[in-house]
Protein backbone atom coordinates (compact mmCIF):
# COMPACT_ATOMS: atom_id res chain seq x y z
CA MET A 1 0.11 0.37 0.66
CA ILE A 2 2.86 2.35 0.77
CA LEU A 3 4.67 1.81 -2.23
CA ASN A 4 1.66 2.13 -4.33
CA GLY A 5 1.11 5.48 -2.50
CA ILE A 6 4.70 6.43 -3.33
CA LYS A 7 4.12 5.40 -7.01
CA GLY A 8 1.42 7.25 -7.22
CA ALA A 9 2.64 10.26 -5.87
CA ILE A 10 5.29 10.44 -8.71
CA TYR A 11 2.34 9.76 -11.37
CA ASP A 12 1.08 13.37 -9.95
CA ILE A 13 4.11 14.67 -10.11
CA ILE A 14 4.86 13.94 -13.29
CA GLY A 15 1.39 14.80 -14.64
CA TYR A 16 1.85 18.28 -12.59
CA LEU A 17 5.10 18.73 -14.60
CA ALA A 18 4.47 17.71 -18.01
CA CYS A 19 1.80 20.32 -17.68
CA LEU A 20 3.90 23.68 -16.53
CA GLY A 21 3.77 26.71 -18.56
CA LYS A 22 0.54 25.46 -20.75
CA PRO A 23 -1.78 28.34 -21.48
CA ALA A 24 -5.82 27.26 -20.39
CA LEU A 25 -6.85 28.93 -24.31
CA HIS A 26 -9.66 25.94 -24.58
CA ASP A 27 -10.82 28.28 -27.66
CA GLY A 28 -9.79 25.79 -29.81
CA LYS A 29 -11.79 23.24 -31.99
CA LYS A 30 -10.48 20.55 -31.50
CA ALA A 31 -11.41 16.96 -29.91
CA LEU A 32 -9.73 13.87 -27.70
CA ILE A 33 -11.60 10.58 -28.00
CA LEU A 34 -9.63 8.32 -25.90
CA ARG A 35 -10.22 4.04 -25.60
CA VAL A 36 -7.04 2.62 -23.86
CA ASP A 37 -7.88 -0.30 -22.19
CA GLU A 38 -8.32 -4.17 -23.18
CA ILE A 39 -8.49 -5.76 -26.69
CA GLY A 40 -11.24 -7.35 -25.67
CA ASP A 41 -12.56 -3.86 -24.62
CA TYR A 42 -11.65 -2.44 -28.22
CA ILE A 43 -13.68 -4.94 -29.27
CA LEU A 44 -17.29 -4.23 -27.87
CA TRP A 45 -16.39 -0.31 -27.99
CA ARG A 46 -15.28 -0.08 -31.68
CA LYS A 47 -18.90 0.45 -33.57
CA CYS A 48 -19.16 3.47 -31.44
CA ILE A 49 -16.16 5.06 -33.08
CA ASP A 50 -18.12 6.43 -35.93
CA PRO A 51 -21.25 7.47 -34.22
CA LEU A 52 -19.32 9.75 -31.74
CA LEU A 53 -17.29 11.11 -34.85
CA ASN A 54 -20.68 11.99 -36.21
CA ALA A 55 -21.62 13.86 -33.12
CA ASP A 56 -23.16 17.12 -33.20
CA LYS A 57 -20.78 18.08 -30.13
CA LEU A 58 -18.14 17.49 -32.88
CA LYS A 59 -19.19 18.96 -35.77
CA ASN A 60 -16.13 21.27 -37.47
CA PHE A 61 -14.18 19.56 -35.18
CA GLU A 62 -11.14 18.52 -35.18
CA VAL A 63 -10.87 14.94 -33.86
CA HIS A 64 -7.55 12.73 -32.94
CA PHE A 65 -7.59 9.52 -31.29
CA VAL A 66 -6.26 7.74 -28.10
CA GLY A 67 -5.43 4.25 -28.35
CA ASN A 68 -3.86 0.95 -27.03
CA GLN A 69 -1.37 0.42 -29.05
CA SER A 70 -1.57 -3.78 -28.00
CA TRP A 71 -4.27 -3.51 -30.66
CA LYS A 72 -3.68 -0.96 -33.05
CA SER A 73 -3.81 -3.81 -36.06
CA LEU A 74 -7.10 -3.91 -35.06
CA PHE A 75 -7.78 -0.17 -34.95
CA ASP A 76 -6.29 -0.23 -39.21
CA LEU A 77 -8.53 -2.61 -39.72
CA GLU A 78 -11.61 -0.54 -40.27
CA PHE A 79 -10.81 3.34 -38.61
CA LYS A 80 -7.39 4.30 -40.20
CA GLY A 81 -6.97 7.07 -41.54
CA THR A 82 -10.21 8.47 -39.91
CA PHE A 83 -9.17 10.66 -37.70
CA GLN A 84 -6.95 13.64 -38.05
CA LYS A 85 -4.13 12.42 -35.40
CA ILE A 86 -3.98 9.03 -33.77
CA ILE A 87 -1.29 8.82 -30.89
CA TRP A 88 -0.65 5.04 -29.70
CA LEU A 89 -0.24 4.29 -25.86
CA ASP A 90 2.44 2.13 -24.63
CA LYS A 91 0.86 1.52 -21.63
CA THR A 92 3.91 -0.95 -20.25
CA LYS A 93 6.45 1.91 -20.39
CA PHE A 94 3.50 4.82 -19.60
CA LYS A 95 3.64 3.06 -16.27
CA LYS A 96 7.51 2.15 -16.18
CA SER A 97 9.10 4.99 -17.76
CA MET A 98 8.36 8.19 -16.37
CA ILE A 99 10.62 10.21 -19.21
CA TYR A 100 7.84 8.72 -22.11
CA ARG A 101 4.85 9.20 -19.01
CA TYR A 102 6.49 12.71 -19.34
CA THR A 103 6.67 13.56 -22.58
CA PHE A 104 3.94 10.78 -23.15
CA LEU A 105 1.42 13.48 -21.08
CA ARG A 106 3.05 16.77 -22.33
CA ASN A 107 2.38 16.42 -25.90
CA ILE A 108 -1.34 15.19 -24.35
CA ALA A 109 -1.50 19.00 -23.48
CA LYS A 110 -0.20 21.21 -25.76
CA GLU A 111 -2.53 19.96 -28.74
CA ASN A 112 -5.03 22.36 -26.77
CA TYR A 113 -8.20 20.36 -26.53
CA SER A 114 -11.51 21.77 -26.02
CA ILE A 115 -13.17 18.53 -25.62
CA VAL A 116 -12.52 15.32 -24.63
CA ILE A 117 -13.66 12.12 -24.61
CA ASN A 118 -13.54 9.32 -22.60
CA PRO A 119 -16.18 6.74 -23.18
CA THR A 120 -14.70 3.17 -20.28
CA TYR A 121 -16.94 2.46 -17.39
CA SER A 122 -13.93 1.21 -15.62
CA ARG A 123 -12.13 4.21 -15.86
CA ALA A 124 -7.98 4.39 -14.56
CA LYS A 125 -6.77 7.29 -12.00
CA ARG A 126 -3.02 6.02 -13.30
CA VAL A 127 -3.60 5.86 -17.48
CA ASP A 128 -6.46 6.99 -18.85
CA ASP A 129 -7.96 9.86 -15.98
CA SER A 130 -4.40 10.63 -16.01
CA ILE A 131 -4.27 11.29 -19.39
CA VAL A 132 -7.52 13.63 -19.56
CA LYS A 133 -6.53 15.85 -16.78
CA ALA A 134 -3.46 17.06 -19.07
CA ALA A 135 -5.42 17.84 -21.82
CA ASN A 136 -7.50 19.67 -19.34
CA ALA A 137 -10.27 20.91 -21.79
CA SER A 138 -13.42 22.63 -20.77
CA ASN A 139 -15.05 20.09 -21.73
CA ASN A 140 -14.98 16.67 -20.53
CA TYR A 141 -17.23 13.85 -20.93
CA GLY A 142 -17.27 10.29 -19.23
CA PHE A 143 -19.27 6.95 -17.46
CA VAL A 144 -19.90 7.38 -13.53
CA ARG A 145 -17.01 5.14 -13.40
CA ASN A 146 -17.04 2.04 -11.00
CA ASN A 147 -14.14 1.45 -8.55
CA GLU A 148 -12.13 -1.91 -11.15
CA ASN A 149 -8.89 0.46 -11.46
CA TYR A 150 -9.28 2.94 -8.49
CA LEU A 151 -7.69 2.44 -5.61
CA PRO A 152 -9.04 3.70 -2.37
CA TYR A 153 -6.70 6.89 -2.17
CA GLU A 154 -7.44 7.41 -4.97
CA GLN A 155 -11.05 8.24 -5.22
CA ASN A 156 -10.56 11.79 -4.73
CA PHE A 157 -8.82 12.30 -8.01
CA ASP A 158 -11.92 12.80 -10.54
CA LYS A 159 -14.16 14.64 -8.61
CA GLN A 160 -14.08 17.55 -10.75
CA LEU A 161 -12.35 16.45 -13.83
CA TYR A 162 -15.68 15.37 -15.82
CA HIS A 163 -17.82 18.45 -16.72
CA GLN A 164 -20.73 15.86 -18.22
CA LEU A 165 -21.10 12.52 -16.55
CA TYR A 166 -23.29 9.43 -17.99
CA GLU A 167 -24.64 7.46 -14.81
CA VAL A 168 -24.63 4.08 -15.87
CA LYS A 169 -28.79 2.64 -15.29
CA ASN A 170 -27.30 -1.22 -14.63
CA LYS A 171 -24.46 -1.72 -13.36
CA SER A 172 -24.57 -5.74 -14.41
CA SER A 173 -25.43 -4.69 -18.11
CA PHE A 174 -23.40 -6.33 -21.24
CA GLU A 175 -20.25 -3.31 -22.03
CA TYR A 176 -22.59 -3.25 -25.58
CA THR A 177 -24.88 -2.03 -24.56
CA LYS A 178 -22.60 0.79 -21.89
CA ASN A 179 -21.01 1.54 -25.06
CA LYS A 180 -24.12 2.11 -27.57
CA ALA A 181 -26.14 3.97 -23.81
CA PHE A 182 -23.27 6.11 -23.17
CA ALA A 183 -22.48 6.33 -27.30
CA GLU A 184 -25.92 8.10 -27.62
CA TRP A 185 -26.27 10.01 -24.44
CA PHE A 186 -23.52 11.80 -25.65
CA CYS A 187 -24.79 12.62 -29.81
CA GLU A 188 -28.19 12.89 -28.21
CA ASN A 189 -29.48 10.57 -30.80
CA THR A 190 -31.21 7.30 -30.94
CA ILE A 191 -27.91 4.53 -32.58
CA SER A 192 -28.66 1.67 -34.70
CA LEU A 193 -25.91 -0.80 -33.71
CA SER A 194 -26.18 -4.04 -34.10
CA ASP A 195 -24.28 -6.56 -33.44
CA ILE A 196 -20.02 -6.41 -32.84
CA LYS A 197 -18.84 -8.50 -36.61
CA PHE A 198 -15.89 -7.61 -38.64
CA ASP A 199 -16.90 -7.29 -42.42
CA ALA A 200 -15.18 -10.31 -43.36
CA THR A 201 -13.25 -8.70 -46.33
CA VAL A 202 -11.29 -6.37 -44.22
CA LEU A 203 -9.70 -9.47 -42.62
CA PRO A 204 -6.05 -11.10 -44.16
CA SER A 205 -5.36 -14.37 -45.15
CA PRO A 206 -4.12 -16.08 -42.39
CA LYS A 207 -0.07 -16.30 -43.08
CA ILE A 208 0.14 -19.81 -41.56
CA GLU A 209 1.76 -23.24 -43.99
CA ASN A 210 0.35 -26.14 -43.82
CA LEU A 211 -3.20 -24.90 -41.82
CA PRO A 212 -5.32 -27.45 -40.99
CA LYS A 213 -8.87 -28.76 -43.07
CA ASN A 214 -10.57 -28.69 -39.40
CA TYR A 215 -9.20 -27.67 -36.46
CA PHE A 216 -10.17 -25.85 -32.98
CA ILE A 217 -8.72 -23.14 -31.06
CA VAL A 218 -7.11 -23.71 -27.35
CA PHE A 219 -6.59 -20.99 -25.21
CA PRO A 220 -4.13 -22.64 -22.46
CA GLY A 221 -2.78 -18.94 -21.00
CA SER A 222 -4.10 -16.00 -19.37
CA ARG A 223 -2.25 -12.87 -19.04
CA SER A 224 -3.76 -13.10 -15.16
CA SER A 225 -2.76 -15.89 -13.01
CA ALA A 226 -5.31 -15.70 -11.30
CA ARG A 227 -7.78 -16.76 -13.97
CA ILE A 228 -6.26 -20.09 -15.19
CA TRP A 229 -8.27 -23.48 -15.79
CA ASP A 230 -6.19 -26.17 -15.44
CA THR A 231 -4.16 -27.44 -17.59
CA ASN A 232 -5.67 -31.29 -16.90
CA ASN A 233 -8.84 -29.93 -17.82
CA PHE A 234 -7.69 -28.38 -21.02
CA ILE A 235 -6.64 -31.89 -22.52
CA GLU A 236 -9.30 -33.79 -21.47
CA VAL A 237 -11.87 -30.94 -23.10
CA SER A 238 -9.90 -31.01 -26.15
CA ASN A 239 -8.93 -35.06 -25.84
CA PHE A 240 -12.90 -35.00 -27.00
CA LEU A 241 -12.88 -32.94 -29.50
CA TYR A 242 -10.43 -34.85 -31.78
CA ASP A 243 -11.80 -38.19 -30.11
CA LYS A 244 -15.63 -37.04 -31.15
CA HIS A 245 -15.12 -34.78 -34.44
CA LYS A 246 -11.09 -35.43 -35.02
CA LEU A 247 -10.09 -31.60 -35.04
CA THR A 248 -6.34 -30.86 -34.96
CA ALA A 249 -5.63 -28.50 -31.71
CA ILE A 250 -4.02 -25.33 -32.40
CA ILE A 251 -2.92 -23.72 -29.53
CA CYS A 252 -3.05 -19.54 -29.43
CA GLY A 253 -1.97 -17.17 -26.93
CA GLY A 254 1.04 -14.07 -26.86
CA ASN A 255 4.32 -14.27 -25.65
CA GLY A 256 2.68 -14.35 -22.64
CA ASP A 257 1.35 -18.02 -22.69
CA ILE A 258 3.50 -19.35 -23.78
CA ALA A 259 4.78 -20.77 -20.61
CA TYR A 260 0.85 -22.38 -20.49
CA ALA A 261 0.68 -23.68 -23.63
CA GLN A 262 4.25 -25.10 -23.16
CA LYS A 263 2.74 -27.12 -20.56
CA PHE A 264 -0.19 -27.77 -22.36
CA ILE A 265 1.80 -29.31 -25.10
CA ASN A 266 3.88 -31.44 -22.68
CA SER A 267 0.87 -33.86 -21.57
CA TYR A 268 -1.15 -33.63 -25.01
CA THR A 269 -0.69 -36.33 -27.57
CA ASN A 270 -2.99 -36.00 -30.19
CA PRO A 271 -2.57 -33.70 -33.42
CA PHE A 272 -1.31 -29.44 -32.95
CA LEU A 273 -0.16 -27.09 -34.19
CA ASP A 274 1.46 -24.52 -32.28
CA PHE A 275 0.84 -20.76 -32.99
CA THR A 276 1.48 -18.89 -29.67
CA GLY A 277 3.06 -16.11 -30.69
CA LYS A 278 3.12 -16.22 -34.36
CA THR A 279 -0.23 -14.76 -35.39
CA SER A 280 -1.34 -11.38 -35.06
CA LEU A 281 -4.10 -10.13 -34.26
CA PRO A 282 -6.17 -9.69 -37.97
CA GLU A 283 -4.26 -13.35 -38.58
CA LEU A 284 -6.15 -14.28 -35.56
CA LEU A 285 -9.34 -13.39 -36.74
CA SER A 286 -8.51 -15.28 -39.73
CA ILE A 287 -8.22 -18.01 -38.20
CA LEU A 288 -10.58 -18.06 -35.76
CA LYS A 289 -13.36 -17.53 -38.22
CA SER A 290 -12.40 -20.27 -39.65
CA ALA A 291 -12.36 -22.92 -36.24
CA THR A 292 -15.06 -25.33 -35.26
CA CYS A 293 -15.02 -23.21 -32.37
CA LEU A 294 -12.90 -21.88 -30.17
CA LEU A 295 -11.68 -23.29 -26.15
CA SER A 296 -10.27 -20.39 -23.43
CA VAL A 297 -10.64 -19.17 -20.02
CA ASP A 298 -12.72 -15.66 -19.90
CA THR A 299 -10.36 -13.01 -22.35
CA GLY A 300 -10.03 -10.79 -25.26
CA SER A 301 -10.37 -14.29 -27.62
CA ILE A 302 -13.80 -14.89 -26.10
CA HIS A 303 -14.07 -11.52 -28.00
CA LEU A 304 -12.54 -11.39 -31.31
CA ALA A 305 -14.23 -14.78 -32.09
CA ALA A 306 -17.85 -13.12 -31.00
CA SER A 307 -16.97 -10.82 -33.47
CA VAL A 308 -16.63 -13.14 -36.30
CA ASN A 309 -18.66 -15.25 -35.18
CA CYS A 310 -16.66 -18.21 -34.32
CA LEU A 311 -18.62 -21.19 -31.86
CA SER A 312 -16.59 -20.40 -28.29
CA LEU A 313 -16.79 -22.54 -25.30
CA GLY A 314 -15.44 -19.75 -22.47
CA ILE A 315 -14.76 -20.46 -18.99
CA PHE A 316 -15.85 -17.73 -16.47
CA ASN A 317 -15.79 -17.36 -12.30
CA GLY A 318 -18.35 -15.36 -12.18
CA SER A 319 -16.72 -12.36 -12.05
CA GLN A 320 -18.17 -9.02 -13.63
CA TYR A 321 -21.26 -11.26 -14.23
CA GLY A 322 -23.43 -9.80 -17.27
CA ARG A 323 -20.89 -6.88 -17.58
CA PHE A 324 -18.51 -9.40 -20.22
CA SER A 325 -20.99 -13.05 -20.52
CA PRO A 326 -23.06 -13.75 -20.98
CA TYR A 327 -23.74 -12.76 -24.28
CA PRO A 328 -26.72 -11.28 -24.71
CA LYS A 329 -28.45 -13.55 -27.75
CA GLU A 330 -28.86 -10.55 -29.59
CA ILE A 331 -25.17 -10.67 -30.53
CA SER A 332 -24.39 -13.40 -30.30
CA THR A 333 -25.53 -16.93 -30.24
CA ASN A 334 -22.43 -18.63 -30.03
CA ILE A 335 -21.09 -17.81 -26.99
CA ILE A 336 -21.38 -20.81 -24.55
CA SER A 337 -20.74 -19.51 -20.89
CA PHE A 338 -19.46 -21.90 -17.88
CA TYR A 339 -20.05 -20.77 -14.44
CA PRO A 340 -19.25 -22.52 -10.79
CA LYS A 341 -22.51 -24.92 -10.10
CA ALA A 342 -22.21 -22.24 -6.81
CA VAL A 343 -21.85 -19.20 -9.13
CA LYS A 344 -25.27 -19.93 -11.15
CA GLU A 345 -26.95 -21.55 -7.91
CA ASP A 346 -26.70 -18.04 -5.95
CA ILE A 347 -27.64 -16.09 -9.07
CA ASN A 348 -30.38 -18.22 -9.63
CA LYS A 349 -31.35 -17.33 -6.36
CA ASN A 350 -30.44 -13.59 -5.15
CA GLY A 351 -29.41 -12.31 -8.74
CA ILE A 352 -26.35 -10.19 -9.11
CA THR A 353 -25.47 -9.54 -5.82
CA GLU A 354 -22.42 -6.70 -5.49
CA LYS A 355 -19.91 -9.29 -5.32
CA TYR A 356 -20.09 -9.71 -8.86
CA GLU A 357 -20.44 -6.09 -10.40
CA LEU A 358 -15.65 -6.41 -9.86
CA ILE A 359 -13.58 -9.11 -9.74
CA ASN A 360 -14.27 -12.13 -7.77
CA ASN A 361 -11.63 -15.15 -6.45
CA THR A 362 -13.69 -18.19 -7.25
CA SER A 363 -11.74 -20.75 -8.37
CA TYR A 364 -11.72 -21.05 -12.60
CA ASN A 365 -11.26 -24.93 -11.78
CA ASP A 366 -14.84 -24.73 -10.05
CA VAL A 367 -16.02 -25.14 -13.71
CA SER A 368 -14.83 -28.64 -14.90
CA ALA A 369 -14.06 -30.31 -18.28
CA LYS A 370 -17.18 -32.94 -17.82
CA GLU A 371 -19.36 -30.37 -17.33
CA ILE A 372 -18.31 -29.17 -21.55
CA ILE A 373 -17.58 -32.23 -22.81
CA ASP A 374 -21.90 -33.11 -21.29
CA TYR A 375 -22.74 -29.94 -22.59
CA LEU A 376 -20.84 -31.05 -26.24
CA VAL A 377 -22.50 -33.63 -26.79
CA LEU A 378 -26.10 -32.98 -25.52
CA ASN A 379 -25.25 -29.80 -28.46
CA PRO A 380 -22.99 -31.62 -31.53
CA ILE A 381 -21.14 -28.58 -33.21
CA LYS A 382 -20.97 -28.94 -36.70
CA ASP A 383 -17.45 -29.00 -38.63
CA LYS A 384 -16.05 -26.29 -40.85
CA SER A 385 -13.97 -26.52 -43.66
CA ILE A 386 -11.45 -23.67 -45.03
C-alpha cells in the first residue's frame, strides 16, 4: 500500500510537470476521443466510433484519437485514416518509464483540446484519467465509473475532472450495451447498432502454412495468473474434440502465454499446431473465423471469436457477471459461458449481487471439463471447412 502510494505520488508530480507553462486557452475546435483499455474492451466498443465522430457536438471539430497500441492492428482494419491524428499509448512504458510518461502527457497538454471524450466505464486514475487531466479541456465527457481500477486512496482524483458524466442505469448490463448507451447520450440521438462483427472483406489471409482443414483453437493461458484453468482440463476437453470430431488443436496466445502453451503441449498426445506468439491479431481473427470452435478462459479471445461468429466454449468464474458474459442473444448466440455451479445457483437465487460486479476470487477450476464435454454431447458442434 505504501509503495503504491509513493508510485501514485510520483505519477501526480509528473502529470503536474507535464502541464507547466501550458496556457489554458480552450478556444480551438479540437477534440480528443480516448480509449486505452484492453482488446476485448475495444472489440465491444469500436462500433461506437463512427456515431461519436458524427455527433453534432463534434461538428467542424478536428478530432484526435488516443488508443492502446496493443490493438492497433485491429483498429487499422476498419479505422485507419478516420481521425486527423492518432496517438498510440504503450501502457507498459506509460506505467514504468517516467520519461515516456512525461513526454506523452506533455504532448497531450500541448494540443489544446476543448473537448475530451473518455467512453470507458472502468476508468483508471493512473492511465486514462491522467491523460484526461493533462489535456485540461473545458468539456470532459465520461462515465460515472465503477471502482475496478481505482484504489481506495485515489477516490478524490476525478471529483472535478469531468464536466459531464453518464450514469449507467444497470451496472451489470453487457459492456456493448453500456457503450451504445454512452454514445447515444453524447450524440443526443438513437443509434442503430446491432452486432460486433467484422466485415469479412477486411480480414487478411492467415500467413500460416499447413493449416489443417478441420481444427479448433485452444487458449490455455491468460494475462492474469488468477484467471487460469488447469491444463488437465484443457487437455480433457481437447481430447474429446479430437476423438469425437477429429479436430486438430491450434494452440494460440501471446508471448506471455508461451509457458502455458508449453505445459499443454507436454501432455497433449493428439495432433496439434502451436501458433502461440506467431500470429498478428488480424491473422488470429481469420483463423478464428474458420475454426470449428474456441476453448478459452475469460480473455479477449472470447470477444475476438464473437466478432467473427466463431463458437466459443468460455470458462468464467462469475467476475463482472453480465458485463462481459453471458452474451445477449441479440449480439451472439455462439458464446457458450460455463460458470461454477455455486455461482449459477447463487445468481439464480439472489440475482447479480455486488460481489459479482467486480473481480472475485472464485477458482476457474470450479468449472469441470466434464461439464463442457456433457454440453458438447447434448449439443453436437458442426465442423467447419476452410
